[in-house]
Amino acid sequence: MTGIRITITRTAGSVPRGAGTQMMVWADRCAGTIGGGALEWQAMATARAMLADGRMAAVETIPLGPALGQCCGGS
């Protein structure tokens, strides 16, 4: 079964995990963690949508405070 590898490629400010952190997401499970609660849930939802659409690559920059309400506030 095909999965999506999520990789934190760069960070700015206060973030839950550093660059190079990875997790794998499949339609029915995940392995590893990129941390951050809401960030991780958003990343899993995006990965599963990508699997459903047949997309294998994407790049996102997510401001943790404004976009996800996380207290760390970096991106």
PDB file of N, CA and C in Angstrom:
ATOM      1  N   MET A   1       0.857  -1.187   0.000  1.00  0.00           N
ATOM      2  CA  MET A   1       0.000   0.000   0.000  1.00  0.00           C
ATOM      3  C   MET A   1       0.892   1.236   0.000  1.00  0.00           C
ATOM      4  N   THR A   2       0.526   2.207  -0.796  1.00  0.00           N
ATOM      5  CA  THR A   2       1.283   3.443  -0.904  1.00  0.00           C
ATOM      6  C   THR A   2       1.014   4.345   0.289  1.00  0.00           C
ATOM      7  N   GLY A   3       2.058   4.999   0.744  1.00  0.00           N
ATOM      8  CA  GLY A   3       1.925   5.951   1.842  1.00  0.00           C
ATOM      9  C   GLY A   3       2.581   7.264   1.485  1.00  0.00           C
ATOM     10  N   ILE A   4       2.372   8.241   2.330  1.00  0.00           N
ATOM     11  CA  ILE A   4       2.971   9.570   2.166  1.00  0.00           C
ATOM     12  C   ILE A   4       3.961   9.784   3.312  1.00  0.00           C
ATOM     13  N   ARG A   5       5.186  10.153   2.977  1.00  0.00           N
ATOM     14  CA  ARG A   5       6.182  10.506   3.988  1.00  0.00           C
ATOM     15  C   ARG A   5       6.108  12.011   4.215  1.00  0.00           C
ATOM     16  N   ILE A   6       5.878  12.400   5.457  1.00  0.00           N
ATOM     17  CA  ILE A   6       5.843  13.811   5.831  1.00  0.00           C
ATOM     18  C   ILE A   6       7.192  14.145   6.455  1.00  0.00           C
ATOM     19  N   THR A   7       7.829  15.183   5.955  1.00  0.00           N
ATOM     20  CA  THR A   7       9.139  15.603   6.460  1.00  0.00           C
ATOM     21  C   THR A   7       9.100  17.076   6.793  1.00  0.00           C
ATOM     22  N   ILE A   8       9.522  17.426   7.996  1.00  0.00           N
ATOM     23  CA  ILE A   8       9.713  18.832   8.362  1.00  0.00           C
ATOM     24  C   ILE A   8      11.036  19.255   7.744  1.00  0.00           C
ATOM     25  N   THR A   9      10.978  20.132   6.749  1.00  0.00           N
ATOM     26  CA  THR A   9      12.205  20.500   6.036  1.00  0.00           C
ATOM     27  C   THR A   9      12.884  21.739   6.600  1.00  0.00           C
ATOM     28  N   ARG A  10      12.105  22.616   7.208  1.00  0.00           N
ATOM     29  CA  ARG A  10      12.695  23.789   7.861  1.00  0.00           C
ATOM     30  C   ARG A  10      11.703  24.313   8.887  1.00  0.00           C
ATOM     31  N   THR A  11      12.220  25.060   9.835  1.00  0.00           N
ATOM     32  CA  THR A  11      11.385  25.616  10.895  1.00  0.00           C
ATOM     33  C   THR A  11      11.757  27.070  11.142  1.00  0.00           C
ATOM     34  N   ALA A  12      10.838  27.777  11.776  1.00  0.00           N
ATOM     35  CA  ALA A  12      11.088  29.154  12.197  1.00  0.00           C
ATOM     36  C   ALA A  12      10.383  29.354  13.534  1.00  0.00           C
ATOM     37  N   GLY A  13      11.057  29.963  14.461  1.00  0.00           N
ATOM     38  CA  GLY A  13      10.452  30.229  15.759  1.00  0.00           C
ATOM     39  C   GLY A  13      10.284  28.970  16.593  1.00  0.00           C
ATOM     40  N   SER A  14       9.353  29.034  17.519  1.00  0.00           N
ATOM     41  CA  SER A  14       9.100  27.938  18.442  1.00  0.00           C
ATOM     42  C   SER A  14       8.223  26.879  17.770  1.00  0.00           C
ATOM     43  N   VAL A  15       8.750  25.666  17.655  1.00  0.00           N
ATOM     44  CA  VAL A  15       8.045  24.560  16.988  1.00  0.00           C
ATOM     45  C   VAL A  15       8.209  23.284  17.810  1.00  0.00           C
ATOM     46  N   PRO A  16       7.294  22.317  17.636  1.00  0.00           N
ATOM     47  CA  PRO A  16       7.373  21.099  18.441  1.00  0.00           C
ATOM     48  C   PRO A  16       8.534  20.179  18.089  1.00  0.00           C
ATOM     49  N   ARG A  17       8.931  20.103  16.821  1.00  0.00           N
ATOM     50  CA  ARG A  17      10.017  19.221  16.394  1.00  0.00           C
ATOM     51  C   ARG A  17      10.846  19.935  15.339  1.00  0.00           C
ATOM     52  N   GLY A  18      12.089  19.519  15.184  1.00  0.00           N
ATOM     53  CA  GLY A  18      12.996  20.197  14.276  1.00  0.00           C
ATOM     54  C   GLY A  18      13.000  19.662  12.859  1.00  0.00           C
ATOM     55  N   ALA A  19      13.747  20.358  12.012  1.00  0.00           N
ATOM     56  CA  ALA A  19      13.903  19.949  10.617  1.00  0.00           C
ATOM     57  C   ALA A  19      14.471  18.537  10.566  1.00  0.00           C
ATOM     58  N   GLY A  20      13.984  17.759   9.622  1.00  0.00           N
ATOM     59  CA  GLY A  20      14.413  16.372   9.468  1.00  0.00           C
ATOM     60  C   GLY A  20      13.462  15.379  10.124  1.00  0.00           C
ATOM     61  N   THR A  21      12.564  15.849  10.976  1.00  0.00           N
ATOM     62  CA  THR A  21      11.584  14.977  11.614  1.00  0.00           C
ATOM     63  C   THR A  21      10.625  14.435  10.557  1.00  0.00           C
ATOM     64  N   GLN A  22      10.304  13.140  10.651  1.00  0.00           N
ATOM     65  CA  GLN A  22       9.456  12.520   9.637  1.00  0.00           C
ATOM     66  C   GLN A  22       8.388  11.635  10.267  1.00  0.00           C
ATOM     67  N   MET A  23       7.327  11.420   9.507  1.00  0.00           N
ATOM     68  CA  MET A  23       6.331  10.407   9.835  1.00  0.00           C
ATOM     69  C   MET A  23       5.773   9.875   8.528  1.00  0.00           C
ATOM     70  N   MET A  24       5.220   8.664   8.579  1.00  0.00           N
ATOM     71  CA  MET A  24       4.581   8.046   7.424  1.00  0.00           C
ATOM     72  C   MET A  24       3.086   7.977   7.673  1.00  0.00           C
ATOM     73  N   VAL A  25       2.318   8.234   6.626  1.00  0.00           N
ATOM     74  CA  VAL A  25       0.858   8.170   6.726  1.00  0.00           C
ATOM     75  C   VAL A  25       0.328   7.308   5.584  1.00  0.00           C
ATOM     76  N   TRP A  26      -0.491   6.343   5.943  1.00  0.00           N
ATOM     77  CA  TRP A  26      -1.220   5.515   4.991  1.00  0.00           C
ATOM     78  C   TRP A  26      -2.697   5.789   5.192  1.00  0.00           C
ATOM     79  N   ALA A  27      -3.534   5.257   4.355  1.00  0.00           N
ATOM     80  CA  ALA A  27      -4.970   5.478   4.482  1.00  0.00           C
ATOM     81  C   ALA A  27      -5.516   4.962   5.804  1.00  0.00           C
ATOM     82  N   ASP A  28      -4.910   3.922   6.345  1.00  0.00           N
ATOM     83  CA  ASP A  28      -5.452   3.276   7.540  1.00  0.00           C
ATOM     84  C   ASP A  28      -4.564   3.335   8.779  1.00  0.00           C
ATOM     85  N   ARG A  29      -3.399   3.969   8.676  1.00  0.00           N
ATOM     86  CA  ARG A  29      -2.508   4.025   9.845  1.00  0.00           C
ATOM     87  C   ARG A  29      -1.415   5.067   9.618  1.00  0.00           C
ATOM     88  N   CYS A  30      -0.630   5.301  10.665  1.00  0.00           N
ATOM     89  CA  CYS A  30       0.538   6.171  10.548  1.00  0.00           C
ATOM     90  C   CYS A  30       1.643   5.622  11.452  1.00  0.00           C
ATOM     91  N   ALA A  31       2.860   6.066  11.192  1.00  0.00           N
ATOM     92  CA  ALA A  31       4.013   5.655  11.984  1.00  0.00           C
ATOM     93  C   ALA A  31       4.904   6.864  12.186  1.00  0.00           C
ATOM     94  N   GLY A  32       5.422   7.028  13.396  1.00  0.00           N
ATOM     95  CA  GLY A  32       6.254   8.171  13.712  1.00  0.00           C
ATOM     96  C   GLY A  32       5.406   9.354  14.133  1.00  0.00           C
ATOM     97  N   THR A  33       6.074  10.473  14.371  1.00  0.00           N
ATOM     98  CA  THR A  33       5.368  11.678  14.791  1.00  0.00           C
ATOM     99  C   THR A  33       6.147  12.919  14.376  1.00  0.00           C
ATOM    100  N   ILE A  34       5.429  13.939  13.973  1.00  0.00           N
ATOM    101  CA  ILE A  34       6.050  15.243  13.743  1.00  0.00           C
ATOM    102  C   ILE A  34       5.714  16.179  14.895  1.00  0.00           C
ATOM    103  N   GLY A  35       4.929  15.676  15.871  1.00  0.00           N
ATOM    104  CA  GLY A  35       4.597  16.431  17.072  1.00  0.00           C
ATOM    105  C   GLY A  35       3.597  17.543  16.823  1.00  0.00           C
ATOM    106  N   GLY A  36       3.194  18.151  17.886  1.00  0.00           N
ATOM    107  CA  GLY A  36       2.377  19.339  17.772  1.00  0.00           C
ATOM    108  C   GLY A  36       0.877  19.164  17.748  1.00  0.00           C
ATOM    109  N   GLY A  37       0.360  17.981  18.010  1.00  0.00           N
ATOM    110  CA  GLY A  37      -1.088  17.812  18.100  1.00  0.00           C
ATOM    111  C   GLY A  37      -1.831  18.257  16.857  1.00  0.00           C
ATOM    112  N   ALA A  38      -2.268  19.494  16.828  1.00  0.00           N
ATOM    113  CA  ALA A  38      -3.053  20.021  15.703  1.00  0.00           C
ATOM    114  C   ALA A  38      -2.253  19.976  14.403  1.00  0.00           C
ATOM    115  N   LEU A  39      -0.960  20.242  14.477  1.00  0.00           N
ATOM    116  CA  LEU A  39      -0.103  20.161  13.287  1.00  0.00           C
ATOM    117  C   LEU A  39      -0.112  18.736  12.741  1.00  0.00           C
ATOM    118  N   GLU A  40       0.046  17.774  13.617  1.00  0.00           N
ATOM    119  CA  GLU A  40       0.084  16.384  13.181  1.00  0.00           C
ATOM    120  C   GLU A  40      -1.261  15.948  12.595  1.00  0.00           C
ATOM    121  N   TRP A  41      -2.357  16.331  13.218  1.00  0.00           N
ATOM    122  CA  TRP A  41      -3.681  15.989  12.689  1.00  0.00           C
ATOM    123  C   TRP A  41      -3.887  16.614  11.315  1.00  0.00           C
ATOM    124  N   GLN A  42      -3.480  17.861  11.134  1.00  0.00           N
ATOM    125  CA  GLN A  42      -3.598  18.529   9.838  1.00  0.00           C
ATOM    126  C   GLN A  42      -2.739  17.826   8.794  1.00  0.00           C
ATOM    127  N   ALA A  43      -1.521  17.460   9.172  1.00  0.00           N
ATOM    128  CA  ALA A  43      -0.623  16.778   8.243  1.00  0.00           C
ATOM    129  C   ALA A  43      -1.193  15.421   7.827  1.00  0.00           C
ATOM    130  N   MET A  44      -1.766  14.688   8.772  1.00  0.00           N
ATOM    131  CA  MET A  44      -2.369  13.390   8.444  1.00  0.00           C
ATOM    132  C   MET A  44      -3.568  13.562   7.512  1.00  0.00           C
ATOM    133  N   ALA A  45      -4.393  14.562   7.765  1.00  0.00           N
ATOM    134  CA  ALA A  45      -5.555  14.812   6.902  1.00  0.00           C
ATOM    135  C   ALA A  45      -5.112  15.176   5.489  1.00  0.00           C
ATOM    136  N   THR A  46      -4.091  16.019   5.383  1.00  0.00           N
ATOM    137  CA  THR A  46      -3.565  16.405   4.073  1.00  0.00           C
ATOM    138  C   THR A  46      -2.994  15.198   3.348  1.00  0.00           C
ATOM    139  N   ALA A  47      -2.218  14.384   4.056  1.00  0.00           N
ATOM    140  CA  ALA A  47      -1.620  13.192   3.443  1.00  0.00           C
ATOM    141  C   ALA A  47      -2.698  12.232   2.950  1.00  0.00           C
ATOM    142  N   ARG A  48      -3.733  12.033   3.739  1.00  0.00           N
ATOM    143  CA  ARG A  48      -4.805  11.112   3.328  1.00  0.00           C
ATOM    144  C   ARG A  48      -5.589  11.675   2.142  1.00  0.00           C
ATOM    145  N   ALA A  49      -5.770  12.978   2.093  1.00  0.00           N
ATOM    146  CA  ALA A  49      -6.411  13.596   0.926  1.00  0.00           C
ATOM    147  C   ALA A  49      -5.528  13.417  -0.308  1.00  0.00           C
ATOM    148  N   MET A  50      -4.220  13.538  -0.135  1.00  0.00           N
ATOM    149  CA  MET A  50      -3.293  13.324  -1.241  1.00  0.00           C
ATOM    150  C   MET A  50      -3.376  11.889  -1.753  1.00  0.00           C
ATOM    151  N   LEU A  51      -3.437  10.931  -0.842  1.00  0.00           N
ATOM    152  CA  LEU A  51      -3.567   9.533  -1.243  1.00  0.00           C
ATOM    153  C   LEU A  51      -4.850   9.318  -2.032  1.00  0.00           C
ATOM    154  N   ALA A  52      -5.931   9.902  -1.573  1.00  0.00           N
ATOM    155  CA  ALA A  52      -7.223   9.751  -2.241  1.00  0.00           C
ATOM    156  C   ALA A  52      -7.216  10.381  -3.631  1.00  0.00           C
ATOM    157  N   ASP A  53      -6.474  11.496  -3.781  1.00  0.00           N
ATOM    158  CA  ASP A  53      -6.405  12.211  -5.058  1.00  0.00           C
ATOM    159  C   ASP A  53      -5.298  11.697  -5.978  1.00  0.00           C
ATOM    160  N   GLY A  54      -4.438  10.830  -5.461  1.00  0.00           N
ATOM    161  CA  GLY A  54      -3.326  10.316  -6.251  1.00  0.00           C
ATOM    162  C   GLY A  54      -2.127  11.243  -6.311  1.00  0.00           C
ATOM    163  N   ARG A  55      -2.099  12.282  -5.467  1.00  0.00           N
ATOM    164  CA  ARG A  55      -0.944  13.196  -5.436  1.00  0.00           C
ATOM    165  C   ARG A  55       0.139  12.594  -4.549  1.00  0.00           C
ATOM    166  N   MET A  56       1.386  12.698  -4.976  1.00  0.00           N
ATOM    167  CA  MET A  56       2.483  12.126  -4.208  1.00  0.00           C
ATOM    168  C   MET A  56       3.430  13.155  -3.617  1.00  0.00           C
ATOM    169  N   ALA A  57       3.239  14.423  -3.932  1.00  0.00           N
ATOM    170  CA  ALA A  57       4.130  15.445  -3.387  1.00  0.00           C
ATOM    171  C   ALA A  57       3.387  16.758  -3.193  1.00  0.00           C
ATOM    172  N   ALA A  58       3.756  17.457  -2.137  1.00  0.00           N
ATOM    173  CA  ALA A  58       3.214  18.789  -1.846  1.00  0.00           C
ATOM    174  C   ALA A  58       4.163  19.478  -0.883  1.00  0.00           C
ATOM    175  N   VAL A  59       4.128  20.783  -0.885  1.00  0.00           N
ATOM    176  CA  VAL A  59       4.913  21.576   0.062  1.00  0.00           C
ATOM    177  C   VAL A  59       3.965  22.567   0.716  1.00  0.00           C
ATOM    178  N   GLU A  60       4.007  22.647   2.037  1.00  0.00           N
ATOM    179  CA  GLU A  60       3.174  23.601   2.773  1.00  0.00           C
ATOM    180  C   GLU A  60       4.027  24.327   3.808  1.00  0.00           C
ATOM    181  N   THR A  61       3.702  25.570   4.050  1.00  0.00           N
ATOM    182  CA  THR A  61       4.243  26.319   5.173  1.00  0.00           C
ATOM    183  C   THR A  61       3.062  26.644   6.068  1.00  0.00           C
ATOM    184  N   ILE A  62       3.138  26.212   7.327  1.00  0.00           N
ATOM    185  CA  ILE A  62       2.001  26.362   8.228  1.00  0.00           C
ATOM    186  C   ILE A  62       2.399  27.205   9.434  1.00  0.00           C
ATOM    187  N   PRO A  63       1.822  28.406   9.583  1.00  0.00           N
ATOM    188  CA  PRO A  63       2.052  29.203  10.797  1.00  0.00           C
ATOM    189  C   PRO A  63       1.232  28.580  11.936  1.00  0.00           C
ATOM    190  N   LEU A  64       1.916  28.023  12.913  1.00  0.00           N
ATOM    191  CA  LEU A  64       1.256  27.206  13.934  1.00  0.00           C
ATOM    192  C   LEU A  64       0.239  27.949  14.780  1.00  0.00           C
ATOM    193  N   GLY A  65       0.533  29.165  15.188  1.00  0.00           N
ATOM    194  CA  GLY A  65      -0.413  29.914  15.994  1.00  0.00           C
ATOM    195  C   GLY A  65      -1.651  30.333  15.212  1.00  0.00           C
ATOM    196  N   PRO A  66      -1.492  31.154  14.163  1.00  0.00           N
ATOM    197  CA  PRO A  66      -2.656  31.648  13.435  1.00  0.00           C
ATOM    198  C   PRO A  66      -3.444  30.556  12.707  1.00  0.00           C
ATOM    199  N   ALA A  67      -2.766  29.585  12.114  1.00  0.00           N
ATOM    200  CA  ALA A  67      -3.468  28.575  11.318  1.00  0.00           C
ATOM    201  C   ALA A  67      -4.073  27.455  12.153  1.00  0.00           C
ATOM    202  N   LEU A  68      -3.380  27.076  13.245  1.00  0.00           N
ATOM    203  CA  LEU A  68      -3.803  25.902  13.995  1.00  0.00           C
ATOM    204  C   LEU A  68      -4.102  26.165  15.454  1.00  0.00           C
ATOM    205  N   GLY A  69      -3.885  27.383  15.912  1.00  0.00           N
ATOM    206  CA  GLY A  69      -4.147  27.708  17.308  1.00  0.00           C
ATOM    207  C   GLY A  69      -3.187  27.079  18.289  1.00  0.00           C
ATOM    208  N   GLN A  70      -2.004  26.699  17.821  1.00  0.00           N
ATOM    209  CA  GLN A  70      -1.024  26.108  18.724  1.00  0.00           C
ATOM    210  C   GLN A  70      -0.285  27.201  19.485  1.00  0.00           C
ATOM    211  N   CYS A  71       0.085  26.897  20.700  1.00  0.00           N
ATOM    212  CA  CYS A  71       0.711  27.905  21.559  1.00  0.00           C
ATOM    213  C   CYS A  71       2.166  28.187  21.175  1.00  0.00           C
ATOM    214  N   CYS A  72       2.844  27.282  20.484  1.00  0.00           N
ATOM    215  CA  CYS A  72       4.258  27.499  20.203  1.00  0.00           C
ATOM    216  C   CYS A  72       4.483  28.627  19.197  1.00  0.00           C
ATOM    217  N   GLY A  73       3.573  28.844  18.276  1.00  0.00           N
ATOM    218  CA  GLY A  73       3.573  30.033  17.440  1.00  0.00           C
ATOM    219  C   GLY A  73       4.595  30.138  16.344  1.00  0.00           C
ATOM    220  N   GLY A  74       5.469  29.149  16.132  1.00  0.00           N
ATOM    221  CA  GLY A  74       6.420  29.206  15.029  1.00  0.00           C
ATOM    222  C   GLY A  74       5.769  28.753  13.742  1.00  0.00           C
ATOM    223  N   SER A  75       6.601  28.387  12.794  1.00  0.00           N
ATOM    224  CA  SER A  75       6.072  27.819  11.536  1.00  0.00           C
ATOM    225  C   SER A  75       7.037  26.776  11.017  1.00  0.00           C
TER     226      SER A  75
END
